[in-house]
């Protein structure tokens, strides 16, 4: 089913995932604990919002160019990158609210999860080929 995602449906999925990410962050900001992440995973590039915005735009360009290669993985990647990009542009930081208290794992959010899943799917596809 998911292997047959059309490009149009892939972009729709990415938009829906962006909306779900922003909705989850809205709910968290008004009701739960969260952290303001000014960097990327594990605190790398802390306080480098402009650089992270540029990296996000490059990723979006790349995804748009190669979207037809694997629409499901690129839908997840696009939705996740856009979710964090919206935070960086409009808040100046990314809202992280999921805290798994094992192995000193960093806080993260839905967008981060989408990006991670997309990378795993792309790696599996590359290994199979």
N, C-alpha and C. Protein backbone atom coordinates (compact mmCIF):
# COMPACT_ATOMS: atom_id res chain seq x y z
N UNK A 1 0.83 -1.20 0.00
CA UNK A 1 0.00 0.00 0.00
C UNK A 1 0.87 1.26 0.00
N UNK A 2 1.79 1.40 1.00
CA UNK A 2 2.61 2.59 1.08
C UNK A 2 3.65 2.66 -0.02
N UNK A 3 4.01 1.52 -0.60
CA UNK A 3 5.01 1.55 -1.67
C UNK A 3 4.43 2.13 -2.95
N UNK A 4 3.12 2.28 -3.00
CA UNK A 4 2.44 2.81 -4.19
C UNK A 4 1.97 4.24 -4.02
N UNK A 5 2.57 4.97 -3.12
CA UNK A 5 2.19 6.36 -2.89
C UNK A 5 2.58 7.18 -4.11
N UNK A 6 1.63 7.94 -4.62
CA UNK A 6 1.92 8.82 -5.74
C UNK A 6 2.62 10.07 -5.24
N UNK A 7 3.21 10.79 -6.15
CA UNK A 7 3.90 12.03 -5.76
C UNK A 7 2.91 13.01 -5.14
N UNK A 8 1.74 13.15 -5.76
CA UNK A 8 0.73 14.08 -5.24
C UNK A 8 0.31 13.67 -3.82
N UNK A 9 0.02 12.38 -3.62
CA UNK A 9 -0.37 11.92 -2.29
C UNK A 9 0.79 12.04 -1.30
N UNK A 10 2.01 11.91 -1.78
CA UNK A 10 3.18 12.07 -0.92
C UNK A 10 3.29 13.48 -0.38
N UNK A 11 3.05 14.46 -1.24
CA UNK A 11 3.09 15.86 -0.78
C UNK A 11 1.93 16.15 0.17
N UNK A 12 0.78 15.55 -0.08
CA UNK A 12 -0.36 15.71 0.84
C UNK A 12 -0.01 15.10 2.19
N UNK A 13 0.59 13.91 2.18
CA UNK A 13 1.01 13.27 3.42
C UNK A 13 2.01 14.14 4.17
N UNK A 14 2.97 14.70 3.47
CA UNK A 14 3.96 15.58 4.11
C UNK A 14 3.27 16.77 4.77
N UNK A 15 2.29 17.37 4.10
CA UNK A 15 1.56 18.50 4.67
C UNK A 15 0.78 18.08 5.91
N UNK A 16 0.12 16.93 5.85
CA UNK A 16 -0.64 16.43 7.01
C UNK A 16 0.29 16.20 8.19
N UNK A 17 1.46 15.62 7.92
CA UNK A 17 2.44 15.38 8.98
C UNK A 17 2.96 16.69 9.58
N UNK A 18 3.16 17.69 8.74
CA UNK A 18 3.55 19.02 9.22
C UNK A 18 2.49 19.57 10.16
N UNK A 19 1.23 19.47 9.77
CA UNK A 19 0.13 19.97 10.60
C UNK A 19 0.07 19.20 11.93
N UNK A 20 0.21 17.87 11.88
CA UNK A 20 0.20 17.08 13.11
C UNK A 20 1.36 17.44 14.03
N UNK A 21 2.53 17.67 13.46
CA UNK A 21 3.68 18.09 14.26
C UNK A 21 3.40 19.41 14.95
N UNK A 22 2.91 20.39 14.21
CA UNK A 22 2.64 21.70 14.79
C UNK A 22 1.51 21.63 15.81
N UNK A 23 0.51 20.82 15.55
CA UNK A 23 -0.59 20.65 16.51
C UNK A 23 -0.07 20.02 17.81
N UNK A 24 0.78 19.02 17.68
CA UNK A 24 1.33 18.38 18.89
C UNK A 24 2.14 19.39 19.70
N UNK A 25 2.89 20.24 19.03
CA UNK A 25 3.70 21.25 19.73
C UNK A 25 2.81 22.31 20.38
N UNK A 26 1.73 22.68 19.72
CA UNK A 26 0.79 23.65 20.29
C UNK A 26 0.19 23.11 21.58
N UNK A 27 -0.22 21.84 21.55
CA UNK A 27 -0.81 21.21 22.73
C UNK A 27 0.21 21.14 23.86
N UNK A 28 1.43 20.75 23.52
CA UNK A 28 2.47 20.62 24.54
C UNK A 28 2.80 21.97 25.18
N UNK A 29 2.97 23.00 24.37
CA UNK A 29 3.34 24.32 24.89
C UNK A 29 2.30 24.81 25.89
N UNK A 30 1.05 24.47 25.68
CA UNK A 30 -0.01 24.96 26.55
C UNK A 30 -0.34 24.04 27.72
N UNK A 31 0.24 22.84 27.76
CA UNK A 31 -0.17 21.89 28.79
C UNK A 31 0.93 21.07 29.44
N UNK A 32 2.11 20.97 28.85
CA UNK A 32 3.11 20.03 29.35
C UNK A 32 4.50 20.66 29.38
N UNK A 33 5.44 19.91 29.94
CA UNK A 33 6.84 20.35 29.96
C UNK A 33 7.46 20.15 28.58
N UNK A 34 8.34 21.06 28.22
CA UNK A 34 9.07 20.95 26.96
C UNK A 34 10.37 21.73 27.11
N UNK A 35 11.26 21.52 26.15
CA UNK A 35 12.48 22.31 26.14
C UNK A 35 12.56 23.09 24.83
N UNK A 36 13.28 24.18 24.90
CA UNK A 36 13.52 25.02 23.71
C UNK A 36 14.88 24.63 23.15
N UNK A 37 14.88 23.93 22.04
CA UNK A 37 16.11 23.44 21.44
C UNK A 37 16.59 24.41 20.37
N UNK A 38 17.71 25.07 20.62
CA UNK A 38 18.26 26.01 19.64
C UNK A 38 19.30 25.36 18.74
N UNK A 39 19.43 24.05 18.84
CA UNK A 39 20.39 23.32 18.00
C UNK A 39 19.71 22.17 17.30
N UNK A 40 20.52 21.20 16.93
CA UNK A 40 20.02 19.98 16.31
C UNK A 40 20.14 18.86 17.35
N UNK A 41 20.06 17.63 16.92
CA UNK A 41 20.11 16.48 17.83
C UNK A 41 21.38 16.51 18.68
N UNK A 42 21.21 16.10 19.93
CA UNK A 42 22.31 16.04 20.90
C UNK A 42 22.99 17.40 21.08
N UNK A 43 22.28 18.48 20.80
CA UNK A 43 22.81 19.82 21.04
C UNK A 43 23.85 20.31 20.05
N UNK A 44 24.05 19.57 18.94
CA UNK A 44 25.02 20.06 17.97
C UNK A 44 24.48 21.30 17.29
N UNK A 45 25.36 22.15 16.87
CA UNK A 45 25.04 23.42 16.21
C UNK A 45 24.12 24.30 17.05
N UNK A 46 24.32 24.27 18.36
CA UNK A 46 23.51 25.08 19.27
C UNK A 46 23.63 26.57 18.90
N UNK A 47 22.49 27.25 18.93
CA UNK A 47 22.40 28.67 18.61
C UNK A 47 22.85 29.00 17.19
N UNK A 48 22.64 28.08 16.27
CA UNK A 48 23.00 28.27 14.86
C UNK A 48 21.74 28.22 14.00
N UNK A 49 20.73 29.00 14.39
CA UNK A 49 19.44 28.94 13.71
C UNK A 49 19.53 29.23 12.22
N UNK A 50 20.31 30.22 11.83
CA UNK A 50 20.42 30.55 10.41
C UNK A 50 21.00 29.38 9.62
N UNK A 51 22.06 28.78 10.15
CA UNK A 51 22.67 27.62 9.48
C UNK A 51 21.68 26.46 9.40
N UNK A 52 20.95 26.21 10.47
CA UNK A 52 19.98 25.11 10.47
C UNK A 52 18.82 25.39 9.51
N UNK A 53 18.43 26.65 9.38
CA UNK A 53 17.40 27.02 8.40
C UNK A 53 17.92 26.77 6.99
N UNK A 54 19.16 27.16 6.72
CA UNK A 54 19.75 26.93 5.39
C UNK A 54 19.85 25.44 5.10
N UNK A 55 20.28 24.65 6.07
CA UNK A 55 20.36 23.19 5.88
C UNK A 55 18.98 22.64 5.59
N UNK A 56 17.97 23.10 6.30
CA UNK A 56 16.60 22.65 6.07
C UNK A 56 16.15 22.97 4.65
N UNK A 57 16.46 24.18 4.18
CA UNK A 57 16.06 24.57 2.81
C UNK A 57 16.78 23.71 1.77
N UNK A 58 18.03 23.38 2.01
CA UNK A 58 18.77 22.50 1.09
C UNK A 58 18.12 21.12 1.06
N UNK A 59 17.76 20.60 2.23
CA UNK A 59 17.09 19.30 2.30
C UNK A 59 15.77 19.34 1.55
N UNK A 60 15.00 20.41 1.73
CA UNK A 60 13.71 20.53 1.03
C UNK A 60 13.93 20.55 -0.48
N UNK A 61 14.93 21.27 -0.95
CA UNK A 61 15.25 21.29 -2.38
C UNK A 61 15.60 19.89 -2.87
N UNK A 62 16.43 19.19 -2.13
CA UNK A 62 16.84 17.84 -2.49
C UNK A 62 15.63 16.90 -2.54
N UNK A 63 14.79 16.98 -1.51
CA UNK A 63 13.61 16.13 -1.45
C UNK A 63 12.69 16.40 -2.63
N UNK A 64 12.45 17.66 -2.94
CA UNK A 64 11.58 18.00 -4.06
C UNK A 64 12.14 17.47 -5.38
N UNK A 65 13.44 17.52 -5.51
CA UNK A 65 14.08 17.07 -6.75
C UNK A 65 14.01 15.56 -6.94
N UNK A 66 14.12 14.80 -5.84
CA UNK A 66 14.17 13.34 -5.93
C UNK A 66 12.95 12.66 -5.31
N UNK A 67 11.87 13.39 -5.14
CA UNK A 67 10.68 12.89 -4.46
C UNK A 67 10.17 11.59 -5.06
N UNK A 68 10.17 11.48 -6.36
CA UNK A 68 9.62 10.30 -7.03
C UNK A 68 10.44 9.04 -6.77
N UNK A 69 11.68 9.18 -6.30
CA UNK A 69 12.54 8.04 -6.02
C UNK A 69 11.93 7.14 -4.95
N UNK A 70 11.42 7.74 -3.90
CA UNK A 70 10.80 6.98 -2.81
C UNK A 70 9.84 7.91 -2.05
N UNK A 71 8.63 8.09 -2.58
CA UNK A 71 7.70 9.08 -2.03
C UNK A 71 7.37 8.91 -0.54
N UNK A 72 7.27 7.69 -0.03
CA UNK A 72 6.94 7.53 1.39
C UNK A 72 8.04 8.10 2.27
N UNK A 73 9.27 7.68 2.04
CA UNK A 73 10.38 8.17 2.86
C UNK A 73 10.54 9.68 2.72
N UNK A 74 10.41 10.19 1.51
CA UNK A 74 10.57 11.63 1.31
C UNK A 74 9.38 12.41 1.86
N UNK A 75 8.19 11.81 1.94
CA UNK A 75 7.05 12.47 2.58
C UNK A 75 7.32 12.65 4.07
N UNK A 76 7.84 11.59 4.69
CA UNK A 76 8.16 11.67 6.12
C UNK A 76 9.27 12.69 6.37
N UNK A 77 10.29 12.65 5.52
CA UNK A 77 11.41 13.58 5.66
C UNK A 77 10.94 15.02 5.47
N UNK A 78 10.15 15.26 4.44
CA UNK A 78 9.67 16.61 4.17
C UNK A 78 8.78 17.12 5.30
N UNK A 79 7.86 16.28 5.78
CA UNK A 79 7.00 16.69 6.89
C UNK A 79 7.79 17.02 8.13
N UNK A 80 8.81 16.21 8.43
CA UNK A 80 9.64 16.45 9.61
C UNK A 80 10.50 17.69 9.48
N UNK A 81 11.14 17.84 8.35
CA UNK A 81 12.00 19.02 8.14
C UNK A 81 11.16 20.30 8.18
N UNK A 82 10.00 20.28 7.53
CA UNK A 82 9.13 21.46 7.55
C UNK A 82 8.64 21.77 8.97
N UNK A 83 8.32 20.73 9.75
CA UNK A 83 7.85 20.93 11.12
C UNK A 83 8.88 21.66 11.96
N UNK A 84 10.13 21.23 11.88
CA UNK A 84 11.17 21.90 12.66
C UNK A 84 11.54 23.25 12.06
N UNK A 85 11.45 23.38 10.74
CA UNK A 85 11.75 24.66 10.10
C UNK A 85 10.75 25.73 10.53
N UNK A 86 9.49 25.37 10.59
CA UNK A 86 8.46 26.33 11.04
C UNK A 86 8.81 26.82 12.45
N UNK A 87 9.20 25.91 13.33
CA UNK A 87 9.60 26.32 14.68
C UNK A 87 10.78 27.28 14.64
N UNK A 88 11.80 26.93 13.88
CA UNK A 88 13.01 27.76 13.84
C UNK A 88 12.71 29.17 13.33
N UNK A 89 11.88 29.25 12.30
CA UNK A 89 11.57 30.55 11.70
C UNK A 89 10.68 31.39 12.61
N UNK A 90 9.63 30.79 13.17
CA UNK A 90 8.64 31.57 13.91
C UNK A 90 8.88 31.64 15.41
N UNK A 91 9.67 30.72 15.97
CA UNK A 91 9.93 30.73 17.40
C UNK A 91 11.40 31.03 17.72
N UNK A 92 12.29 30.69 16.79
CA UNK A 92 13.72 30.85 17.05
C UNK A 92 14.33 29.63 17.73
N UNK A 93 13.54 28.60 17.92
CA UNK A 93 13.97 27.35 18.52
C UNK A 93 12.97 26.26 18.15
N UNK A 94 13.35 25.01 18.38
CA UNK A 94 12.46 23.88 18.12
C UNK A 94 11.93 23.37 19.46
N UNK A 95 10.66 23.08 19.50
CA UNK A 95 10.04 22.55 20.71
C UNK A 95 10.26 21.04 20.75
N UNK A 96 10.94 20.57 21.79
CA UNK A 96 11.14 19.14 22.02
C UNK A 96 10.39 18.77 23.28
N UNK A 97 9.61 17.70 23.22
CA UNK A 97 8.77 17.35 24.37
C UNK A 97 8.73 15.86 24.68
N UNK A 98 9.29 15.03 23.85
CA UNK A 98 9.30 13.60 24.14
C UNK A 98 10.62 13.30 24.85
N UNK A 99 10.51 12.74 26.05
CA UNK A 99 11.69 12.49 26.86
C UNK A 99 11.72 11.02 27.26
N UNK A 100 12.59 10.26 26.63
CA UNK A 100 12.79 8.86 26.99
C UNK A 100 13.96 8.81 27.95
N UNK A 101 13.71 8.40 29.14
CA UNK A 101 14.71 8.48 30.21
C UNK A 101 15.62 7.26 30.26
N UNK A 102 16.08 6.82 29.11
CA UNK A 102 17.06 5.73 29.08
C UNK A 102 18.27 6.18 28.27
N UNK A 103 19.41 5.73 28.66
CA UNK A 103 20.65 5.99 27.93
C UNK A 103 20.91 7.49 27.71
N UNK A 104 20.39 8.35 28.57
CA UNK A 104 20.60 9.79 28.43
C UNK A 104 20.21 10.28 27.03
N UNK A 105 19.12 9.74 26.49
CA UNK A 105 18.66 10.08 25.16
C UNK A 105 18.11 11.50 25.16
N UNK A 106 18.42 12.29 24.13
CA UNK A 106 17.95 13.68 24.12
C UNK A 106 16.44 13.78 23.90
N UNK A 107 15.87 14.88 24.36
CA UNK A 107 14.47 15.15 24.11
C UNK A 107 14.28 15.31 22.60
N UNK A 108 13.09 14.98 22.09
CA UNK A 108 12.81 15.10 20.68
C UNK A 108 11.33 15.37 20.47
N UNK A 109 10.90 15.40 19.22
CA UNK A 109 9.51 15.70 18.89
C UNK A 109 9.05 14.82 17.73
N UNK A 110 7.81 15.01 17.30
CA UNK A 110 7.27 14.22 16.21
C UNK A 110 8.06 14.42 14.93
N UNK A 111 8.44 15.64 14.63
CA UNK A 111 9.20 15.92 13.41
C UNK A 111 10.52 15.16 13.41
N UNK A 112 11.20 15.13 14.54
CA UNK A 112 12.46 14.39 14.65
C UNK A 112 12.23 12.90 14.38
N UNK A 113 11.13 12.37 14.90
CA UNK A 113 10.80 10.96 14.69
C UNK A 113 10.56 10.68 13.20
N UNK A 114 9.85 11.57 12.53
CA UNK A 114 9.59 11.41 11.10
C UNK A 114 10.89 11.41 10.31
N UNK A 115 11.80 12.31 10.66
CA UNK A 115 13.09 12.39 9.97
C UNK A 115 13.87 11.10 10.18
N UNK A 116 13.89 10.60 11.41
CA UNK A 116 14.62 9.37 11.71
C UNK A 116 14.05 8.18 10.95
N UNK A 117 12.73 8.04 10.94
CA UNK A 117 12.10 6.94 10.23
C UNK A 117 12.40 7.04 8.73
N UNK A 118 12.37 8.24 8.18
CA UNK A 118 12.66 8.40 6.75
C UNK A 118 14.09 7.99 6.41
N UNK A 119 15.03 8.34 7.27
CA UNK A 119 16.43 7.97 7.05
C UNK A 119 16.57 6.44 7.08
N UNK A 120 15.90 5.80 8.02
CA UNK A 120 15.94 4.33 8.11
C UNK A 120 15.36 3.71 6.84
N UNK A 121 14.22 4.22 6.37
CA UNK A 121 13.60 3.69 5.14
C UNK A 121 14.51 3.88 3.93
N UNK A 122 15.14 5.05 3.84
CA UNK A 122 16.05 5.30 2.72
C UNK A 122 17.28 4.40 2.79
N UNK A 123 17.78 4.16 3.99
CA UNK A 123 18.94 3.27 4.14
C UNK A 123 18.58 1.85 3.74
N UNK A 124 17.41 1.39 4.13
CA UNK A 124 16.96 0.03 3.75
C UNK A 124 16.84 -0.07 2.24
N UNK A 125 16.26 0.95 1.61
CA UNK A 125 16.12 0.94 0.15
C UNK A 125 17.48 0.92 -0.53
N UNK A 126 18.43 1.69 -0.03
CA UNK A 126 19.76 1.72 -0.63
C UNK A 126 20.46 0.37 -0.45
N UNK A 127 20.31 -0.26 0.70
CA UNK A 127 20.93 -1.57 0.94
C UNK A 127 20.34 -2.62 0.01
N UNK A 128 19.03 -2.58 -0.18
CA UNK A 128 18.37 -3.55 -1.07
C UNK A 128 18.81 -3.40 -2.51
N UNK A 129 19.13 -2.18 -2.90
CA UNK A 129 19.56 -1.96 -4.28
C UNK A 129 21.03 -2.28 -4.40
